[in-house]
Amino acid sequence: MITIDEFRKMDLRIGTVKSAAAHPNADKLLVLRVDLGEEERQIVAGIRGQYDPATLVGRQIAVIANLETAKLRGMESQGMLLAASDGDRIVILTTEKPVTPGAKIS
């Protein structure tokens, strides 16, 4: 269990996927450019087996924006998208209706 103060430390926002492509050095990774309102970020995500990159462009996704930057197979990931999994299936979390990129999740 975490406290409400610990939860508040997470910067959860909605981002709009501007581009998506297969990672050149990894079979399971996609490289996304995500508009978070005031800035654009690169996010590397392990969803390649579940999503065709072209179907992600324009979609809005839930992102943890204040996660420490990480290198995944040589590419920098500046956040993490949120997804649910049930066995082998991965489903990204999206909005019910369009919102402004960078909108806070609370």
N, C-alpha and C. Protein backbone atom coordinates (compact mmCIF):
# COMPACT_ATOMS: atom_id res chain seq x y z
N MET A 1 0.84 -1.18 0.00
CA MET A 1 0.00 0.00 0.00
C MET A 1 0.88 1.24 0.00
N ILE A 2 0.43 2.26 -0.75
CA ILE A 2 1.13 3.54 -0.73
C ILE A 2 0.20 4.58 -0.13
N THR A 3 0.79 5.65 0.34
CA THR A 3 -0.03 6.73 0.89
C THR A 3 -0.52 7.62 -0.23
N ILE A 4 -1.51 8.46 0.08
CA ILE A 4 -2.03 9.41 -0.90
C ILE A 4 -0.93 10.39 -1.31
N ASP A 5 -0.05 10.73 -0.38
CA ASP A 5 1.06 11.64 -0.71
C ASP A 5 2.01 10.99 -1.71
N GLU A 6 2.25 9.70 -1.57
CA GLU A 6 3.10 9.00 -2.53
C GLU A 6 2.43 8.96 -3.91
N PHE A 7 1.14 8.72 -3.94
CA PHE A 7 0.39 8.73 -5.20
C PHE A 7 0.45 10.10 -5.86
N ARG A 8 0.35 11.14 -5.10
CA ARG A 8 0.37 12.51 -5.64
C ARG A 8 1.71 12.85 -6.28
N LYS A 9 2.75 12.14 -5.94
CA LYS A 9 4.07 12.39 -6.53
C LYS A 9 4.12 11.97 -8.01
N MET A 10 3.23 11.07 -8.41
CA MET A 10 3.22 10.62 -9.80
C MET A 10 2.56 11.69 -10.67
N ASP A 11 3.22 12.02 -11.78
CA ASP A 11 2.68 12.99 -12.74
C ASP A 11 2.04 12.19 -13.87
N LEU A 12 0.75 11.94 -13.74
CA LEU A 12 -0.01 11.17 -14.73
C LEU A 12 -0.70 12.15 -15.66
N ARG A 13 -0.45 12.00 -16.96
CA ARG A 13 -1.02 12.92 -17.94
C ARG A 13 -1.50 12.16 -19.17
N ILE A 14 -2.32 12.84 -19.95
CA ILE A 14 -2.75 12.31 -21.24
C ILE A 14 -1.85 12.89 -22.32
N GLY A 15 -1.37 12.02 -23.18
CA GLY A 15 -0.55 12.45 -24.31
C GLY A 15 -1.17 11.97 -25.62
N THR A 16 -0.91 12.71 -26.68
CA THR A 16 -1.37 12.33 -28.00
C THR A 16 -0.20 11.79 -28.80
N VAL A 17 -0.33 10.59 -29.34
CA VAL A 17 0.74 9.95 -30.10
C VAL A 17 0.87 10.68 -31.44
N LYS A 18 2.06 11.25 -31.69
CA LYS A 18 2.34 11.97 -32.94
C LYS A 18 2.95 11.04 -33.99
N SER A 19 3.76 10.09 -33.53
CA SER A 19 4.35 9.12 -34.45
C SER A 19 4.67 7.85 -33.68
N ALA A 20 4.75 6.75 -34.41
CA ALA A 20 5.07 5.45 -33.81
C ALA A 20 5.82 4.63 -34.84
N ALA A 21 6.86 3.94 -34.38
CA ALA A 21 7.66 3.12 -35.29
C ALA A 21 8.24 1.95 -34.52
N ALA A 22 8.56 0.90 -35.25
CA ALA A 22 9.21 -0.26 -34.64
C ALA A 22 10.61 0.14 -34.20
N HIS A 23 11.01 -0.34 -33.04
CA HIS A 23 12.39 -0.13 -32.56
C HIS A 23 13.31 -0.91 -33.48
N PRO A 24 14.39 -0.29 -33.95
CA PRO A 24 15.26 -0.98 -34.91
C PRO A 24 16.04 -2.16 -34.34
N ASN A 25 16.17 -2.23 -33.01
CA ASN A 25 16.99 -3.28 -32.40
C ASN A 25 16.24 -4.16 -31.40
N ALA A 26 14.90 -4.19 -31.49
CA ALA A 26 14.13 -4.98 -30.54
C ALA A 26 12.81 -5.42 -31.16
N ASP A 27 12.51 -6.69 -31.05
CA ASP A 27 11.29 -7.25 -31.64
C ASP A 27 10.01 -6.86 -30.92
N LYS A 28 10.10 -6.52 -29.63
CA LYS A 28 8.89 -6.27 -28.84
C LYS A 28 8.63 -4.79 -28.55
N LEU A 29 9.52 -3.91 -29.02
CA LEU A 29 9.41 -2.50 -28.64
C LEU A 29 8.95 -1.61 -29.79
N LEU A 30 8.15 -0.59 -29.42
CA LEU A 30 7.78 0.49 -30.33
C LEU A 30 8.34 1.78 -29.77
N VAL A 31 8.69 2.71 -30.66
CA VAL A 31 9.18 4.02 -30.27
C VAL A 31 8.10 5.03 -30.64
N LEU A 32 7.58 5.72 -29.63
CA LEU A 32 6.49 6.68 -29.81
C LEU A 32 6.98 8.09 -29.56
N ARG A 33 6.48 9.05 -30.34
CA ARG A 33 6.64 10.48 -30.05
C ARG A 33 5.28 10.91 -29.53
N VAL A 34 5.27 11.48 -28.32
CA VAL A 34 4.01 11.78 -27.64
C VAL A 34 3.96 13.26 -27.27
N ASP A 35 2.89 13.93 -27.68
CA ASP A 35 2.65 15.33 -27.35
C ASP A 35 2.02 15.40 -25.96
N LEU A 36 2.74 16.03 -25.02
CA LEU A 36 2.23 16.19 -23.66
C LEU A 36 1.84 17.64 -23.39
N GLY A 37 1.48 18.35 -24.43
CA GLY A 37 1.04 19.73 -24.26
C GLY A 37 2.17 20.71 -24.40
N GLU A 38 2.93 20.91 -23.34
CA GLU A 38 4.04 21.86 -23.35
C GLU A 38 5.31 21.29 -23.96
N GLU A 39 5.34 19.98 -24.17
CA GLU A 39 6.54 19.35 -24.73
C GLU A 39 6.17 18.04 -25.41
N GLU A 40 7.10 17.57 -26.24
CA GLU A 40 6.95 16.28 -26.89
C GLU A 40 8.01 15.36 -26.29
N ARG A 41 7.63 14.11 -26.06
CA ARG A 41 8.55 13.13 -25.46
C ARG A 41 8.63 11.89 -26.32
N GLN A 42 9.77 11.19 -26.18
CA GLN A 42 9.93 9.88 -26.80
C GLN A 42 9.68 8.83 -25.72
N ILE A 43 8.81 7.89 -26.02
CA ILE A 43 8.51 6.79 -25.10
C ILE A 43 8.72 5.48 -25.83
N VAL A 44 9.50 4.60 -25.24
CA VAL A 44 9.74 3.27 -25.79
C VAL A 44 8.87 2.30 -24.99
N ALA A 45 8.03 1.53 -25.69
CA ALA A 45 7.06 0.67 -25.01
C ALA A 45 7.07 -0.74 -25.60
N GLY A 46 6.88 -1.72 -24.74
CA GLY A 46 6.88 -3.13 -25.15
C GLY A 46 5.52 -3.60 -25.64
N ILE A 47 5.00 -2.94 -26.66
CA ILE A 47 3.67 -3.26 -27.17
C ILE A 47 3.67 -3.63 -28.65
N ARG A 48 4.84 -3.88 -29.20
CA ARG A 48 4.94 -4.12 -30.64
C ARG A 48 4.13 -5.33 -31.11
N GLY A 49 4.06 -6.37 -30.32
CA GLY A 49 3.31 -7.55 -30.70
C GLY A 49 1.79 -7.36 -30.67
N GLN A 50 1.35 -6.27 -30.04
CA GLN A 50 -0.09 -6.03 -29.87
C GLN A 50 -0.63 -4.91 -30.76
N TYR A 51 0.25 -4.00 -31.17
CA TYR A 51 -0.20 -2.82 -31.91
C TYR A 51 0.63 -2.58 -33.16
N ASP A 52 -0.07 -2.29 -34.25
CA ASP A 52 0.56 -1.81 -35.47
C ASP A 52 0.85 -0.33 -35.23
N PRO A 53 2.08 0.13 -35.44
CA PRO A 53 2.40 1.52 -35.16
C PRO A 53 1.45 2.53 -35.82
N ALA A 54 1.03 2.28 -37.04
CA ALA A 54 0.15 3.22 -37.75
C ALA A 54 -1.18 3.43 -37.03
N THR A 55 -1.66 2.43 -36.29
CA THR A 55 -2.95 2.55 -35.61
C THR A 55 -2.87 3.39 -34.34
N LEU A 56 -1.65 3.68 -33.88
CA LEU A 56 -1.49 4.46 -32.65
C LEU A 56 -1.45 5.96 -32.89
N VAL A 57 -1.07 6.38 -34.08
CA VAL A 57 -0.93 7.81 -34.38
C VAL A 57 -2.28 8.50 -34.22
N GLY A 58 -2.28 9.57 -33.43
CA GLY A 58 -3.49 10.32 -33.16
C GLY A 58 -4.25 9.87 -31.92
N ARG A 59 -3.92 8.71 -31.40
CA ARG A 59 -4.61 8.21 -30.20
C ARG A 59 -4.08 8.90 -28.96
N GLN A 60 -4.94 9.02 -27.98
CA GLN A 60 -4.54 9.59 -26.71
C GLN A 60 -4.29 8.46 -25.72
N ILE A 61 -3.18 8.58 -24.99
CA ILE A 61 -2.76 7.53 -24.07
C ILE A 61 -2.45 8.12 -22.70
N ALA A 62 -2.53 7.29 -21.68
CA ALA A 62 -2.16 7.67 -20.33
C ALA A 62 -0.65 7.46 -20.16
N VAL A 63 0.02 8.46 -19.58
CA VAL A 63 1.48 8.46 -19.47
C VAL A 63 1.91 8.84 -18.06
N ILE A 64 2.93 8.17 -17.55
CA ILE A 64 3.61 8.63 -16.34
C ILE A 64 4.73 9.53 -16.83
N ALA A 65 4.58 10.82 -16.59
CA ALA A 65 5.49 11.81 -17.18
C ALA A 65 6.73 12.08 -16.33
N ASN A 66 6.70 11.77 -15.06
CA ASN A 66 7.86 12.08 -14.22
C ASN A 66 8.67 10.84 -13.84
N LEU A 67 8.60 9.83 -14.67
CA LEU A 67 9.43 8.64 -14.46
C LEU A 67 10.84 8.94 -14.94
N GLU A 68 11.82 8.49 -14.19
CA GLU A 68 13.21 8.70 -14.57
C GLU A 68 13.47 8.16 -15.99
N THR A 69 14.21 8.92 -16.78
CA THR A 69 14.55 8.51 -18.14
C THR A 69 15.34 7.20 -18.11
N ALA A 70 15.04 6.32 -19.06
CA ALA A 70 15.72 5.03 -19.15
C ALA A 70 16.14 4.78 -20.59
N LYS A 71 17.20 3.98 -20.76
CA LYS A 71 17.62 3.55 -22.10
C LYS A 71 17.14 2.13 -22.30
N LEU A 72 16.38 1.92 -23.38
CA LEU A 72 15.88 0.60 -23.73
C LEU A 72 16.43 0.23 -25.09
N ARG A 73 17.33 -0.74 -25.09
CA ARG A 73 17.98 -1.18 -26.32
C ARG A 73 18.61 0.00 -27.07
N GLY A 74 19.24 0.90 -26.31
CA GLY A 74 19.97 2.01 -26.90
C GLY A 74 19.16 3.25 -27.19
N MET A 75 17.85 3.21 -26.95
CA MET A 75 17.01 4.39 -27.21
C MET A 75 16.45 4.92 -25.89
N GLU A 76 16.44 6.23 -25.76
CA GLU A 76 15.97 6.87 -24.54
C GLU A 76 14.45 6.87 -24.47
N SER A 77 13.93 6.48 -23.30
CA SER A 77 12.50 6.52 -23.04
C SER A 77 12.26 7.55 -21.94
N GLN A 78 11.45 8.57 -22.26
CA GLN A 78 11.24 9.70 -21.36
C GLN A 78 9.86 9.66 -20.71
N GLY A 79 9.46 8.49 -20.26
CA GLY A 79 8.17 8.31 -19.62
C GLY A 79 7.71 6.88 -19.85
N MET A 80 6.49 6.59 -19.44
CA MET A 80 5.94 5.25 -19.62
C MET A 80 4.46 5.36 -19.91
N LEU A 81 4.01 4.63 -20.92
CA LEU A 81 2.57 4.58 -21.15
C LEU A 81 1.97 3.56 -20.21
N LEU A 82 0.70 3.75 -19.89
CA LEU A 82 0.01 2.81 -19.01
C LEU A 82 -0.81 1.85 -19.85
N ALA A 83 -0.78 0.59 -19.45
CA ALA A 83 -1.50 -0.45 -20.17
C ALA A 83 -1.96 -1.52 -19.19
N ALA A 84 -2.96 -2.25 -19.58
CA ALA A 84 -3.46 -3.38 -18.79
C ALA A 84 -3.08 -4.65 -19.54
N SER A 85 -2.84 -5.72 -18.80
CA SER A 85 -2.56 -7.00 -19.44
C SER A 85 -3.35 -8.10 -18.75
N ASP A 86 -3.80 -9.03 -19.56
CA ASP A 86 -4.47 -10.22 -19.03
C ASP A 86 -3.94 -11.41 -19.82
N GLY A 87 -2.90 -11.97 -19.30
CA GLY A 87 -2.23 -13.06 -20.01
C GLY A 87 -1.32 -12.49 -21.08
N ASP A 88 -1.53 -12.91 -22.31
CA ASP A 88 -0.68 -12.47 -23.41
C ASP A 88 -1.14 -11.17 -24.05
N ARG A 89 -2.30 -10.67 -23.69
CA ARG A 89 -2.87 -9.49 -24.31
C ARG A 89 -2.51 -8.23 -23.53
N ILE A 90 -2.10 -7.17 -24.26
CA ILE A 90 -1.79 -5.88 -23.67
C ILE A 90 -2.72 -4.85 -24.30
N VAL A 91 -3.37 -4.04 -23.45
CA VAL A 91 -4.30 -3.02 -23.93
C VAL A 91 -3.90 -1.68 -23.33
N ILE A 92 -3.59 -0.70 -24.19
CA ILE A 92 -3.19 0.61 -23.68
C ILE A 92 -4.39 1.35 -23.12
N LEU A 93 -4.15 2.17 -22.10
CA LEU A 93 -5.21 2.97 -21.50
C LEU A 93 -5.37 4.25 -22.30
N THR A 94 -6.60 4.53 -22.70
CA THR A 94 -6.90 5.70 -23.52
C THR A 94 -8.02 6.50 -22.87
N THR A 95 -8.37 7.62 -23.49
CA THR A 95 -9.47 8.43 -22.99
C THR A 95 -10.78 8.04 -23.64
N GLU A 96 -11.86 8.28 -22.95
CA GLU A 96 -13.19 8.03 -23.51
C GLU A 96 -13.53 9.07 -24.57
N LYS A 97 -13.13 10.32 -24.31
CA LYS A 97 -13.34 11.45 -25.22
C LYS A 97 -12.03 12.20 -25.35
N PRO A 98 -11.83 12.95 -26.44
CA PRO A 98 -10.60 13.71 -26.60
C PRO A 98 -10.45 14.78 -25.50
N VAL A 99 -9.21 14.95 -25.05
CA VAL A 99 -8.87 16.01 -24.10
C VAL A 99 -7.62 16.72 -24.60
N THR A 100 -7.31 17.83 -24.01
CA THR A 100 -6.12 18.58 -24.39
C THR A 100 -4.87 17.78 -24.02
N PRO A 101 -3.90 17.64 -24.96
CA PRO A 101 -2.66 16.95 -24.60
C PRO A 101 -2.03 17.60 -23.37
N GLY A 102 -1.58 16.77 -22.45
CA GLY A 102 -0.98 17.25 -21.21
C GLY A 102 -1.97 17.30 -20.06
N ALA A 103 -3.25 17.03 -20.33
CA ALA A 103 -4.26 17.04 -19.27
C ALA A 103 -3.84 16.11 -18.15
N LYS A 104 -3.98 16.58 -16.92
CA LYS A 104 -3.60 15.80 -15.74
C LYS A 104 -4.64 14.71 -15.47
N ILE A 105 -4.15 13.56 -15.07
CA ILE A 105 -5.01 12.47 -14.62
C ILE A 105 -5.05 12.52 -13.11
N SER A 106 -6.24 12.51 -12.56
CA SER A 106 -6.37 12.56 -11.09
C SER A 106 -7.38 11.55 -10.61
